C-alpha atoms as a PDB file:
ATOM      1  CA  MET A   1      44.647 133.089  47.157  1.00  0.00           C
ATOM      2  CA  PRO A   2      47.598 131.562  45.234  1.00  0.00           C
ATOM      3  CA  ALA A   3      47.001 128.444  43.165  1.00  0.00           C
ATOM      4  CA  LEU A   4      48.144 125.105  44.541  1.00  0.00           C
ATOM      5  CA  VAL A   5      50.763 123.263  42.485  1.00  0.00           C
ATOM      6  CA  SER A   6      50.972 119.479  42.709  1.00  0.00           C
ATOM      7  CA  VAL A   7      54.497 118.188  42.155  1.00  0.00           C
ATOM      8  CA  ILE A   8      54.401 114.488  41.268  1.00  0.00           C
ATOM      9  CA  ILE A   9      57.566 112.435  41.710  1.00  0.00           C
ATOM     10  CA  PRO A  10      57.408 108.851  40.441  1.00  0.00           C
ATOM     11  CA  ALA A  11      59.956 106.819  42.392  1.00  0.00           C
ATOM     12  CA  TRP A  12      61.310 103.315  41.950  1.00  0.00           C
ATOM     13  CA  ASN A  13      64.498 102.268  43.770  1.00  0.00           C
ATOM     14  CA  VAL A  14      65.792 105.841  44.007  1.00  0.00           C
ATOM     15  CA  SER A  15      66.741 105.940  47.683  1.00  0.00           C
ATOM     16  CA  PRO A  16      70.066 107.755  47.052  1.00  0.00           C
ATOM     17  CA  PHE A  17      68.377 110.529  45.021  1.00  0.00           C
ATOM     18  CA  VAL A  18      64.798 111.056  46.185  1.00  0.00           C
ATOM     19  CA  GLN A  19      65.604 113.329  49.132  1.00  0.00           C
ATOM     20  CA  SER A  20      67.513 115.706  46.847  1.00  0.00           C
ATOM     21  CA  ALA A  21      64.561 115.822  44.459  1.00  0.00           C
ATOM     22  CA  ILE A  22      62.121 116.583  47.276  1.00  0.00           C
ATOM     23  CA  ARG A  23      64.398 119.185  48.850  1.00  0.00           C
ATOM     24  CA  SER A  24      64.705 120.955  45.488  1.00  0.00           C
ATOM     25  CA  VAL A  25      60.938 121.489  45.573  1.00  0.00           C
ATOM     26  CA  LEU A  26      60.923 122.548  49.226  1.00  0.00           C
ATOM     27  CA  ALA A  27      63.587 125.178  48.423  1.00  0.00           C
ATOM     28  CA  GLN A  28      61.385 127.019  45.923  1.00  0.00           C
ATOM     29  CA  THR A  29      60.261 130.576  46.672  1.00  0.00           C
ATOM     30  CA  TYR A  30      56.666 129.683  45.773  1.00  0.00           C
ATOM     31  CA  HIS A  31      55.278 127.765  48.733  1.00  0.00           C
ATOM     32  CA  GLU A  32      51.749 126.814  47.667  1.00  0.00           C
ATOM     33  CA  PHE A  33      52.480 123.256  46.614  1.00  0.00           C
ATOM     34  CA  GLU A  34      52.122 119.635  47.563  1.00  0.00           C
ATOM     35  CA  VAL A  35      54.703 116.975  46.767  1.00  0.00           C
ATOM     36  CA  LEU A  36      53.283 113.572  45.889  1.00  0.00           C
ATOM     37  CA  VAL A  37      55.965 110.902  45.789  1.00  0.00           C
ATOM     38  CA  VAL A  38      54.585 107.724  44.245  1.00  0.00           C
ATOM     39  CA  ASP A  39      56.729 104.792  45.364  1.00  0.00           C
ATOM     40  CA  ASP A  40      56.251 102.303  42.553  1.00  0.00           C
ATOM     41  CA  GLY A  41      57.066  99.132  44.487  1.00  0.00           C
ATOM     42  CA  SER A  42      60.652  99.959  45.407  1.00  0.00           C
ATOM     43  CA  THR A  43      62.758  97.190  46.902  1.00  0.00           C
ATOM     44  CA  ASP A  44      65.358  99.525  48.428  1.00  0.00           C
ATOM     45  CA  ASP A  45      64.999 102.179  51.163  1.00  0.00           C
ATOM     46  CA  THR A  46      63.094 104.673  49.008  1.00  0.00           C
ATOM     47  CA  ALA A  47      60.083 104.853  51.369  1.00  0.00           C
ATOM     48  CA  THR A  48      62.348 105.327  54.387  1.00  0.00           C
ATOM     49  CA  SER A  49      64.176 108.168  52.614  1.00  0.00           C
ATOM     50  CA  ILE A  50      60.882 109.874  51.776  1.00  0.00           C
ATOM     51  CA  ASN A  51      59.472 109.475  55.284  1.00  0.00           C
ATOM     52  CA  ALA A  52      62.637 111.022  56.753  1.00  0.00           C
ATOM     53  CA  ILE A  53      61.571 114.390  55.347  1.00  0.00           C
ATOM     54  CA  ARG A  54      59.214 115.944  57.864  1.00  0.00           C
ATOM     55  CA  ASP A  55      57.065 118.386  55.925  1.00  0.00           C
ATOM     56  CA  ALA A  56      53.271 118.252  55.801  1.00  0.00           C
ATOM     57  CA  ARG A  57      53.346 119.130  52.093  1.00  0.00           C
ATOM     58  CA  VAL A  58      55.142 115.861  51.239  1.00  0.00           C
ATOM     59  CA  ARG A  59      52.954 112.804  50.834  1.00  0.00           C
ATOM     60  CA  LEU A  60      54.090 109.245  50.141  1.00  0.00           C
ATOM     61  CA  ILE A  61      51.815 107.113  47.978  1.00  0.00           C
ATOM     62  CA  ALA A  62      52.801 103.441  47.748  1.00  0.00           C
ATOM     63  CA  GLN A  63      51.740 101.070  45.013  1.00  0.00           C
ATOM     64  CA  ASN A  64      52.864  97.778  43.514  1.00  0.00           C
ATOM     65  CA  HIS A  65      55.446  98.093  40.740  1.00  0.00           C
ATOM     66  CA  ARG A  66      53.588  99.004  37.541  1.00  0.00           C
ATOM     67  CA  GLY A  67      56.027 101.366  35.835  1.00  0.00           C
ATOM     68  CA  ALA A  68      56.664 105.090  35.605  1.00  0.00           C
ATOM     69  CA  ALA A  69      53.549 105.898  33.578  1.00  0.00           C
ATOM     70  CA  ALA A  70      51.315 104.172  36.119  1.00  0.00           C
ATOM     71  CA  ALA A  71      53.078 106.028  38.942  1.00  0.00           C
ATOM     72  CA  ARG A  72      52.503 109.367  37.194  1.00  0.00           C
ATOM     73  CA  ASN A  73      48.850 108.491  36.605  1.00  0.00           C
ATOM     74  CA  ARG A  74      48.419 107.541  40.270  1.00  0.00           C
ATOM     75  CA  GLY A  75      49.917 110.888  41.250  1.00  0.00           C
ATOM     76  CA  LEU A  76      47.507 112.679  38.925  1.00  0.00           C
ATOM     77  CA  ALA A  77      44.577 110.833  40.478  1.00  0.00           C
ATOM     78  CA  GLU A  78      45.685 111.872  43.997  1.00  0.00           C
ATOM     79  CA  ALA A  79      46.662 115.469  43.143  1.00  0.00           C
ATOM     80  CA  ARG A  80      44.689 118.378  44.591  1.00  0.00           C
ATOM     81  CA  GLY A  81      46.473 121.190  42.776  1.00  0.00           C
ATOM     82  CA  THR A  82      45.279 123.499  40.045  1.00  0.00           C
ATOM     83  CA  PHE A  83      48.594 123.004  38.258  1.00  0.00           C
ATOM     84  CA  ILE A  84      50.647 119.822  37.832  1.00  0.00           C
ATOM     85  CA  GLN A  85      54.424 119.491  37.594  1.00  0.00           C
ATOM     86  CA  PHE A  86      56.272 116.212  37.124  1.00  0.00           C
ATOM     87  CA  LEU A  87      59.747 115.755  38.595  1.00  0.00           C
ATOM     88  CA  ASP A  88      61.812 112.606  38.187  1.00  0.00           C
ATOM     89  CA  ALA A  89      63.611 111.453  41.304  1.00  0.00           C
END
């Protein structure tokens, strides 16, 4: 069985860009992955943009604004993959 890769995307006020970042992962030829988008207290439509992508491998994790490092750490804590990849939105 192929190893699961957890792709962690910290996101803060990146509504115009986050869908492109997620779609770049979904377009990969390796399909054993999960995408964890950690919305770090965005005040724009970031969560709406993320939720518009209907794929069971994409998961939105919301938290209060604590910075990019905290968002990455939250993603690590929630990740189920054998391998971790960070991707900025």
